[in-house]
Amino acid sequence: MSYDFDLFVIGAGSGGVRAARFAAGFGARVAVAESRYLGGTCVNVGCVPKKLLVYGAHFGEDFEQARSFGWSGAEANFDWSTLIANKNREIERLNGIYRNLLVNSGVTLIEGHARLLDAHTVEINGQRHSAERILIATGGWPQVPDIPGKELAISSNEAFFLKQLPKRVLVVGGGYIAVEFASIFHGLGAQTSLLYRGELFLRGFDGAVRQHLKDELSKKGMDLQFQADIVRIDRQADGSLLATLKDGRQLPTDCVFYATGRRPMLDNLGLENTQVELDERGFIKVDDNYESSEPSILAIGDVIGRVQLTPVALAEGMAVARRLYRPEEYRKVDYNLIPTAVFSLPNIATVGLSEEQARADGYTVKVFESRFRPMKLSLSDCQERTLMKLVVDAKTDKVLGCHMVGPESGEIIQGLAVALKAGATKQLFDDTLGIHPTAAEEFVTMRAPVAS
């Protein structure tokens, strides 16, 4: 049977664009449909604008610390509208880059909502297109709990486009998005409370990391409320909001920001016209080749609910393109030892197993830790401390996990991820000379275990 395209990609986010570009480069006839914005969540309402806002939030501390190094001047003033306007301009530039990447790769870009009519047919803007294979890469979407007044709350989608910085913000959630936005709002001067229904945020991260961040955020003056859950939100006569908690307390605020999970974006996609199956969480079920229960339809990225990170979606998109159109270069995606960062203030970065997970997996472990005040702060009154931690297999000396809370932790852990991927032992860390004076050298100078 003859098709219009060899591969039709629905969604021009990180994974979809990567798969489309390389499939076209391998000689396939490829089309991409996108109904919102090129670059997906990461470029438009995720990683990129969030990191720009994190940079902005950190300048308040930078200005304060500069005085201890002899710098003085007029008092710094922050303007939210300038930051957002500059952020928007940068995102528009990146949108253009993504457009050029696709078009220059020979991909047919169709802007509009794509809907599946059957296993090989997609309809967009009233036109039908056939394809031998269809790749779903539509990503995720924020979820706000179904409580009275939920329409008064915002999510990360809206936070990047607020007309002004709220004076008071309630951030609800315990994952990395909640922690990051709480740091952003607080760092930019808003009175910020972080509410989480559990006992401690960042479930799944190393326990020392979680506790260390809690201590640092508390020292900075952020209001942390655990085992707290909102049951309703009401608009007040003056336009402000009133959040009522499960325990009966009422918190006045100007903004309620929810970061309580994301769902797969499958709205009006037409999956009912195919044999595609969903798992118990609502994500598309795929096998190791990213094929759904409908053999001609594949899916990657956040929509399959495995590891919801941009580099993972990129790797999955590359794997699909190679397997289908350049099999001699195909390599499976390795989901082990994926480094990740939380751009809270201070930053978190980690790769490998937490101490708790290593013990649960049956390892006998040695734990090495270093906690110190960074040299940059030694002339100031700032009491922020950095945490570095290694989790080591006591039997083989292999380093199982590296964890850090502190400035530039993502930059440091990225390099150590290579070492862990190569199977580095603690002895290799010990034999490596440090760069002095740096914070990173602490990872190769920790000699005595703190626990075993």
Protein backbone atom coordinates (compact mmCIF):
# COMPACT_ATOMS: atom_id res chain seq x y z
CA MET A 1 0.00 0.00 0.00
CA SER A 2 1.20 3.51 -0.81
CA TYR A 3 1.21 6.15 1.95
CA ASP A 4 1.66 9.91 1.91
CA PHE A 5 4.41 9.62 4.52
CA ASP A 6 6.63 6.95 6.00
CA LEU A 7 6.39 8.53 9.45
CA PHE A 8 3.84 11.00 10.78
CA VAL A 9 4.77 12.57 14.12
CA ILE A 10 2.07 14.13 16.29
CA GLY A 11 3.74 16.68 18.57
CA ALA A 12 6.72 18.96 17.92
CA GLY A 13 8.27 18.75 21.36
CA SER A 14 11.76 17.51 22.16
CA GLY A 15 11.14 13.84 21.38
CA GLY A 16 8.95 14.38 18.34
CA VAL A 17 11.32 16.86 16.71
CA ARG A 18 14.33 14.62 17.34
CA ALA A 19 12.61 11.58 15.82
CA ALA A 20 11.32 13.57 12.84
CA ARG A 21 14.61 15.29 12.02
CA PHE A 22 16.72 12.18 12.10
CA ALA A 23 14.17 9.97 10.37
CA ALA A 24 14.08 12.51 7.54
CA GLY A 25 17.87 12.62 7.54
CA PHE A 26 17.88 8.84 7.15
CA GLY A 27 15.75 9.17 4.02
CA ALA A 28 12.21 8.74 5.34
CA ARG A 29 9.31 10.92 4.22
CA VAL A 30 8.28 12.62 7.45
CA ALA A 31 5.56 15.01 8.58
CA VAL A 32 5.06 16.67 11.97
CA ALA A 33 1.81 18.10 13.30
CA GLU A 34 1.80 20.66 16.13
CA SER A 35 -1.22 22.51 17.48
CA ARG A 36 0.42 24.73 20.12
CA TYR A 37 4.07 25.69 20.05
CA LEU A 38 7.24 24.33 18.54
CA GLY A 39 9.61 22.89 21.10
CA GLY A 40 6.90 21.50 23.37
CA THR A 41 6.70 21.89 27.12
CA CYS A 42 10.45 22.16 27.71
CA VAL A 43 11.04 25.15 25.45
CA ASN A 44 7.80 27.00 26.08
CA VAL A 45 6.45 26.29 29.58
CA GLY A 46 9.07 24.05 31.15
CA CYS A 47 12.83 23.63 31.49
CA VAL A 48 14.02 26.64 29.50
CA PRO A 49 11.82 29.49 30.79
CA LYS A 50 11.95 27.98 34.29
CA LYS A 51 15.76 28.09 34.32
CA LEU A 52 15.66 31.70 33.11
CA LEU A 53 13.35 32.59 36.01
CA VAL A 54 15.63 30.70 38.42
CA TYR A 55 18.56 32.80 37.22
CA GLY A 56 16.46 35.90 37.79
CA ALA A 57 15.47 34.80 41.29
CA HIS A 58 19.09 34.21 42.31
CA PHE A 59 20.23 37.75 41.54
CA GLY A 60 18.75 39.07 44.77
CA GLU A 61 21.26 36.98 46.71
CA ASP A 62 24.06 37.87 44.29
CA PHE A 63 23.54 41.60 44.84
CA GLU A 64 23.56 41.09 48.59
CA GLN A 65 26.74 39.00 48.54
CA ALA A 66 28.49 41.44 46.20
CA ARG A 67 28.75 43.96 49.04
CA SER A 68 31.08 41.65 50.93
CA PHE A 69 33.45 41.80 47.96
CA GLY A 70 33.55 45.59 47.95
CA TRP A 71 30.77 46.33 45.48
CA SER A 72 28.29 49.05 46.35
CA GLY A 73 25.68 51.04 44.52
CA ALA A 74 22.02 51.93 44.39
CA GLU A 75 19.57 49.45 45.87
CA ALA A 76 18.56 46.79 43.36
CA ASN A 77 14.98 46.83 42.11
CA PHE A 78 13.25 43.98 40.33
CA ASP A 79 10.73 44.38 37.49
CA TRP A 80 8.69 41.25 36.67
CA SER A 81 7.43 42.59 33.33
CA THR A 82 10.99 43.05 32.05
CA LEU A 83 11.95 39.50 32.96
CA ILE A 84 8.84 38.04 31.31
CA ALA A 85 9.23 40.17 28.17
CA ASN A 86 12.86 39.12 27.78
CA LYS A 87 11.93 35.50 28.47
CA ASN A 88 9.22 35.67 25.80
CA ARG A 89 11.67 37.06 23.27
CA GLU A 90 14.11 34.22 23.93
CA ILE A 91 11.37 31.59 23.63
CA GLU A 92 10.26 33.09 20.31
CA ARG A 93 13.84 32.82 19.10
CA LEU A 94 13.95 29.15 20.11
CA ASN A 95 10.61 28.52 18.39
CA GLY A 96 12.18 29.81 15.20
CA ILE A 97 15.18 27.54 15.64
CA TYR A 98 12.93 24.52 16.03
CA ARG A 99 11.02 25.51 12.92
CA ASN A 100 14.25 25.79 10.93
CA LEU A 101 15.53 22.48 12.28
CA LEU A 102 12.45 20.71 10.97
CA VAL A 103 12.11 22.48 7.64
CA ASN A 104 15.83 22.30 6.85
CA SER A 105 15.76 18.58 7.60
CA GLY A 106 13.15 18.04 4.89
CA VAL A 107 10.26 17.49 7.33
CA THR A 108 6.77 18.63 6.32
CA LEU A 109 5.47 20.83 9.17
CA ILE A 110 1.68 21.03 9.53
CA GLU A 111 0.34 23.41 12.17
CA GLY A 112 -3.01 22.31 13.56
CA HIS A 113 -4.62 19.70 15.81
CA ALA A 114 -4.05 16.14 14.64
CA ARG A 115 -6.68 13.46 15.18
CA LEU A 116 -6.32 9.77 14.40
CA LEU A 117 -8.98 8.35 12.10
CA ASP A 118 -7.48 4.87 12.04
CA ALA A 119 -4.13 3.13 12.44
CA HIS A 120 -2.67 4.82 9.35
CA THR A 121 -4.66 8.04 8.88
CA VAL A 122 -4.42 11.45 10.53
CA GLU A 123 -6.78 14.38 10.00
CA ILE A 124 -5.58 17.97 10.45
CA ASN A 125 -7.44 21.15 9.51
CA GLY A 126 -9.95 19.05 7.57
CA GLN A 127 -7.29 17.31 5.47
CA ARG A 128 -6.39 13.63 5.70
CA HIS A 129 -2.85 12.26 5.59
CA SER A 130 -1.84 8.62 5.48
CA ALA A 131 1.34 7.19 6.97
CA GLU A 132 2.97 3.80 7.28
CA ARG A 133 3.76 4.62 10.91
CA ILE A 134 2.45 7.25 13.30
CA LEU A 135 4.46 8.47 16.30
CA ILE A 136 2.60 10.06 19.21
CA ALA A 137 4.74 12.55 21.12
CA THR A 138 2.11 14.87 22.56
CA GLY A 139 3.65 15.18 26.04
CA GLY A 140 1.94 15.91 29.32
CA TRP A 141 -0.34 18.52 30.86
CA PRO A 142 -0.59 19.88 34.44
CA GLN A 143 -3.31 18.48 36.68
CA VAL A 144 -5.18 20.53 39.28
CA PRO A 145 -7.26 18.57 41.82
CA ASP A 146 -11.01 18.74 41.40
CA ILE A 147 -11.86 20.96 44.37
CA PRO A 148 -14.28 23.90 44.68
CA GLY A 149 -12.55 26.94 43.23
CA LYS A 150 -10.00 25.00 41.16
CA GLU A 151 -10.57 27.46 38.31
CA LEU A 152 -9.02 30.18 40.51
CA ALA A 153 -5.70 28.33 40.70
CA ILE A 154 -2.89 28.38 38.16
CA SER A 155 -0.35 25.82 36.99
CA SER A 156 3.09 26.10 35.40
CA ASN A 157 1.38 26.80 32.07
CA GLU A 158 0.01 30.13 33.34
CA ALA A 159 2.83 31.06 35.74
CA PHE A 160 5.17 32.02 32.91
CA PHE A 161 2.69 34.60 31.62
CA LEU A 162 1.45 36.32 34.79
CA LYS A 163 1.03 40.05 34.21
CA GLN A 164 2.62 40.86 37.55
CA LEU A 165 4.42 39.08 40.37
CA PRO A 166 1.92 38.17 43.10
CA LYS A 167 2.71 39.56 46.54
CA ARG A 168 1.58 36.34 48.26
CA VAL A 169 1.77 32.86 46.72
CA LEU A 170 0.72 29.42 47.90
CA VAL A 171 2.61 26.72 46.01
CA VAL A 172 0.93 23.32 46.34
CA GLY A 173 2.86 20.12 45.70
CA GLY A 174 5.90 18.16 46.77
CA GLY A 175 7.67 17.37 43.49
CA TYR A 176 10.49 19.16 41.75
CA ILE A 177 8.19 21.60 39.91
CA ALA A 178 6.64 22.77 43.18
CA VAL A 179 10.02 23.19 44.87
CA GLU A 180 11.45 25.06 41.88
CA PHE A 181 8.57 27.52 41.56
CA ALA A 182 8.49 28.10 45.30
CA SER A 183 12.16 29.07 45.04
CA ILE A 184 11.43 31.34 42.07
CA PHE A 185 8.55 33.21 43.71
CA HIS A 186 10.38 33.49 47.02
CA GLY A 187 13.63 34.59 45.39
CA LEU A 188 11.87 37.31 43.43
CA GLY A 189 10.34 38.76 46.58
CA ALA A 190 6.90 37.19 46.92
CA GLN A 191 5.72 35.99 50.33
CA THR A 192 5.77 32.28 49.54
CA SER A 193 4.32 29.25 51.30
CA LEU A 194 4.95 25.71 50.05
CA LEU A 195 2.17 23.28 51.00
CA TYR A 196 2.57 19.53 50.68
CA ARG A 197 0.23 16.84 51.93
CA GLY A 198 3.12 14.47 52.77
CA GLU A 199 5.69 14.61 55.55
CA LEU A 200 8.59 15.84 53.38
CA PHE A 201 8.86 16.92 49.75
CA LEU A 202 10.83 15.31 46.88
CA ARG A 203 9.79 11.72 47.54
CA GLY A 204 12.22 9.32 45.86
CA PHE A 205 15.27 11.57 46.31
CA ASP A 206 17.96 10.73 48.84
CA GLY A 207 16.80 11.41 52.39
CA ALA A 208 19.81 13.58 53.24
CA VAL A 209 19.16 15.69 50.16
CA ARG A 210 15.50 16.19 51.07
CA GLN A 211 16.25 17.18 54.64
CA HIS A 212 19.15 19.45 53.65
CA LEU A 213 16.99 21.37 51.18
CA LYS A 214 14.24 21.72 53.79
CA ASP A 215 16.74 23.22 56.21
CA GLU A 216 18.17 25.62 53.61
CA LEU A 217 14.76 26.84 52.41
CA SER A 218 13.68 27.38 56.01
CA LYS A 219 16.84 29.42 56.70
CA LYS A 220 15.98 31.60 53.70
CA GLY A 221 12.59 32.36 55.26
CA MET A 222 10.32 30.28 53.05
CA ASP A 223 7.17 29.07 54.82
CA LEU A 224 7.10 25.25 54.54
CA GLN A 225 3.88 23.53 55.53
CA PHE A 226 3.85 19.73 55.42
CA GLN A 227 0.81 17.49 55.88
CA ALA A 228 -1.21 20.41 54.57
CA ASP A 229 -3.86 20.09 51.87
CA ILE A 230 -6.25 22.63 50.35
CA VAL A 231 -9.92 21.60 50.12
CA ARG A 232 -11.36 24.77 48.54
CA ILE A 233 -10.41 28.16 47.12
CA ASP A 234 -12.65 31.25 47.28
CA ARG A 235 -12.42 34.69 45.72
CA GLN A 236 -12.61 37.52 48.25
CA ALA A 237 -14.35 40.87 47.77
CA ASP A 238 -11.03 42.64 47.29
CA GLY A 239 -10.00 40.23 44.53
CA SER A 240 -7.62 38.19 46.66
CA LEU A 241 -8.02 34.48 47.32
CA LEU A 242 -8.73 32.47 50.46
CA ALA A 243 -7.55 28.87 50.64
CA THR A 244 -9.24 26.59 53.14
CA LEU A 245 -7.17 23.65 54.36
CA LYS A 246 -8.29 20.19 55.40
CA ASP A 247 -7.48 21.01 59.03
CA GLY A 248 -9.80 24.01 58.91
CA ARG A 249 -7.16 26.73 58.66
CA GLN A 250 -7.69 29.51 56.13
CA LEU A 251 -4.79 31.15 54.30
CA PRO A 252 -5.26 34.47 52.46
CA THR A 253 -3.20 34.79 49.28
CA ASP A 254 -3.01 36.42 45.86
CA CYS A 255 -2.12 33.30 43.90
CA VAL A 256 -2.53 29.53 44.32
CA PHE A 257 -0.05 27.64 42.16
CA TYR A 258 -0.59 23.89 41.74
CA ALA A 259 2.22 21.47 40.87
CA THR A 260 0.56 18.20 41.82
CA GLY A 261 1.33 16.02 38.85
CA ARG A 262 0.91 15.85 35.08
CA ARG A 263 -1.32 13.71 32.89
CA PRO A 264 -0.66 12.47 29.34
CA MET A 265 -2.01 14.91 26.74
CA LEU A 266 -4.39 12.70 24.77
CA ASP A 267 -7.36 15.07 24.44
CA ASN A 268 -9.34 14.58 21.22
CA LEU A 269 -6.52 12.52 19.76
CA GLY A 270 -8.85 9.85 18.35
CA LEU A 271 -7.26 6.89 20.11
CA GLU A 272 -10.71 5.28 20.24
CA ASN A 273 -10.41 4.79 16.47
CA THR A 274 -7.38 2.56 16.97
CA GLN A 275 -6.33 -0.45 19.03
CA VAL A 276 -3.98 1.64 21.19
CA GLU A 277 -4.24 0.67 24.87
CA LEU A 278 -3.56 2.76 27.96
CA ASP A 279 -2.03 1.57 31.22
CA GLU A 280 -3.67 1.88 34.63
CA ARG A 281 -2.32 5.45 35.00
CA GLY A 282 -3.71 6.56 31.65
CA PHE A 283 -0.44 6.60 29.70
CA ILE A 284 0.02 4.87 26.33
CA LYS A 285 1.26 1.30 26.76
CA VAL A 286 4.32 0.57 24.63
CA ASP A 287 6.87 -2.23 24.36
CA ASP A 288 10.65 -1.92 24.32
CA ASN A 289 10.47 -0.65 20.72
CA TYR A 290 7.95 2.06 21.73
CA GLU A 291 5.26 0.28 19.70
CA SER A 292 1.74 0.43 21.08
CA SER A 293 -0.80 -2.37 20.90
CA GLU A 294 -1.53 -0.97 17.42
CA PRO A 295 1.69 -2.01 15.59
CA SER A 296 1.73 0.99 13.25
CA ILE A 297 1.41 3.50 16.12
CA LEU A 298 4.38 4.31 18.35
CA ALA A 299 4.71 6.67 21.31
CA ILE A 300 7.59 8.30 23.21
CA GLY A 301 8.23 10.92 25.87
CA ASP A 302 5.95 12.05 28.66
CA VAL A 303 2.93 10.45 27.01
CA ILE A 304 4.24 6.96 27.89
CA GLY A 305 4.95 7.90 31.52
CA ARG A 306 8.36 6.28 31.94
CA VAL A 307 10.99 8.90 32.80
CA GLN A 308 9.54 12.33 32.15
CA LEU A 309 12.70 14.26 31.32
CA THR A 310 13.66 16.09 28.13
CA PRO A 311 16.94 14.19 27.53
CA VAL A 312 15.04 10.91 27.88
CA ALA A 313 12.48 11.97 25.26
CA LEU A 314 15.35 12.98 22.98
CA ALA A 315 17.00 9.58 23.42
CA GLU A 316 13.72 7.78 22.77
CA GLY A 317 13.12 9.83 19.62
CA MET A 318 16.60 8.99 18.35
CA ALA A 319 16.09 5.31 19.15
CA VAL A 320 12.85 5.20 17.13
CA ALA A 321 14.43 6.94 14.12
CA ARG A 322 17.45 4.67 14.13
CA ARG A 323 15.56 1.41 14.61
CA LEU A 324 13.15 2.17 11.78
CA TYR A 325 15.41 3.82 9.24
CA ARG A 326 19.07 3.25 10.24
CA PRO A 327 19.02 -0.10 12.11
CA GLU A 328 22.78 -0.58 11.91
CA GLU A 329 23.16 2.41 14.26
CA TYR A 330 20.33 1.42 16.62
CA ARG A 331 20.96 1.31 20.36
CA LYS A 332 18.36 0.81 23.05
CA VAL A 333 17.82 3.61 25.52
CA ASP A 334 19.53 2.85 28.82
CA TYR A 335 17.28 4.05 31.65
CA ASN A 336 19.91 3.35 34.32
CA LEU A 337 21.99 6.12 35.88
CA ILE A 338 20.00 9.02 34.44
CA PRO A 339 21.33 12.26 36.00
CA THR A 340 18.76 14.84 36.99
CA ALA A 341 18.61 18.26 38.61
CA VAL A 342 16.10 20.26 40.61
CA PHE A 343 16.61 23.98 40.04
CA SER A 344 15.53 25.02 43.49
CA LEU A 345 17.58 27.64 45.32
CA PRO A 346 19.94 26.03 46.26
CA ASN A 347 20.09 23.58 43.34
CA ILE A 348 19.90 19.80 43.67
CA ALA A 349 21.52 17.30 41.33
CA THR A 350 21.76 13.54 41.56
CA VAL A 351 22.76 10.46 39.61
CA GLY A 352 22.41 6.83 40.61
CA LEU A 353 20.86 5.29 43.71
CA SER A 354 19.82 7.07 46.86
CA GLU A 355 21.05 5.58 50.12
CA GLU A 356 17.55 4.33 50.86
CA GLN A 357 17.13 2.70 47.45
CA ALA A 358 20.56 1.08 47.59
CA ARG A 359 19.75 -0.52 50.94
CA ALA A 360 16.32 -1.59 49.68
CA ASP A 361 18.02 -3.23 46.69
CA GLY A 362 20.11 -5.34 49.06
CA TYR A 363 23.42 -3.51 48.91
CA THR A 364 25.68 -3.17 51.91
CA VAL A 365 26.67 0.45 51.62
CA LYS A 366 29.24 2.92 52.79
CA VAL A 367 28.10 6.53 52.83
CA PHE A 368 30.44 9.49 52.44
CA GLU A 369 29.24 13.04 53.07
CA SER A 370 30.66 16.52 53.06
CA ARG A 371 28.76 19.57 54.32
CA PHE A 372 30.41 22.95 54.08
CA ARG A 373 29.91 26.66 53.54
CA PRO A 374 30.99 27.52 49.98
CA MET A 375 34.10 29.68 49.64
CA LYS A 376 32.11 32.32 47.74
CA LEU A 377 30.07 32.97 50.88
CA SER A 378 32.99 33.11 53.29
CA LEU A 379 33.17 36.94 53.20
CA SER A 380 29.40 37.38 53.60
CA ASP A 381 26.88 36.73 56.34
CA CYS A 382 25.08 34.09 54.26
CA GLN A 383 25.01 30.77 56.13
CA GLU A 384 23.94 28.56 53.21
CA ARG A 385 25.68 25.18 53.26
CA THR A 386 26.41 22.71 50.48
CA LEU A 387 25.85 18.96 50.77
CA MET A 388 27.77 16.36 48.79
CA LYS A 389 27.15 12.65 49.22
CA LEU A 390 28.45 9.38 47.76
CA VAL A 391 26.71 6.03 48.18
CA VAL A 392 29.21 3.18 47.73
CA ASP A 393 28.82 -0.60 47.49
CA ALA A 394 30.86 -1.85 50.44
CA LYS A 395 31.59 -5.17 48.75
CA THR A 396 32.77 -4.00 45.31
CA ASP A 397 33.74 -0.35 46.10
CA LYS A 398 31.58 0.74 43.13
CA VAL A 399 29.99 4.16 43.48
CA LEU A 400 26.22 3.63 43.31
CA GLY A 401 25.04 7.21 43.69
CA CYS A 402 26.23 10.83 43.75
CA HIS A 403 24.08 13.55 45.30
CA MET A 404 24.58 17.28 45.75
CA VAL A 405 22.70 20.30 47.08
CA GLY A 406 24.43 23.57 46.32
CA PRO A 407 25.44 26.08 43.63
CA GLU A 408 26.04 24.67 40.14
CA SER A 409 25.22 21.15 41.30
CA GLY A 410 23.82 20.24 37.88
CA GLU A 411 27.07 21.23 36.17
CA ILE A 412 29.11 19.15 38.62
CA ILE A 413 26.93 16.03 38.67
CA GLN A 414 26.75 15.94 34.85
CA GLY A 415 30.47 15.20 34.77
CA LEU A 416 30.25 12.63 37.55
CA ALA A 417 27.45 10.87 35.66
CA VAL A 418 30.04 9.85 33.06
CA ALA A 419 32.18 8.34 35.80
CA LEU A 420 29.27 6.33 37.22
CA LYS A 421 28.28 5.20 33.74
CA ALA A 422 31.82 3.90 33.33
CA GLY A 423 31.55 1.96 36.59
CA ALA A 424 33.88 4.10 38.70
CA THR A 425 34.87 2.87 42.15
CA LYS A 426 35.43 4.95 45.25
CA GLN A 427 39.15 4.21 44.87
CA LEU A 428 39.09 5.90 41.46
CA PHE A 429 37.45 8.95 43.03
CA ASP A 430 40.15 8.93 45.72
CA ASP A 431 42.93 8.61 43.14
CA THR A 432 41.64 11.59 41.15
CA LEU A 433 43.29 14.91 41.96
CA GLY A 434 40.95 17.78 42.69
CA ILE A 435 40.91 21.25 41.19
CA HIS A 436 41.66 23.64 44.04
CA PRO A 437 39.93 25.66 45.27
CA THR A 438 36.56 24.42 43.99
CA ALA A 439 33.49 22.90 45.54
CA ALA A 440 33.68 19.96 43.13
CA GLU A 441 36.99 18.77 44.58
CA GLU A 442 35.09 17.63 47.68
CA PHE A 443 33.82 14.65 45.68
CA VAL A 444 37.40 13.33 45.38
CA THR A 445 38.58 14.17 48.89
CA MET A 446 35.99 12.39 51.05
CA ARG A 447 37.97 9.71 52.89
CA ALA A 448 36.05 8.55 55.98
CA PRO A 449 32.55 7.08 55.64
CA VAL A 450 29.87 8.62 57.84
CA ALA A 451 27.68 5.49 57.84
CA SER A 452 27.77 1.87 56.78
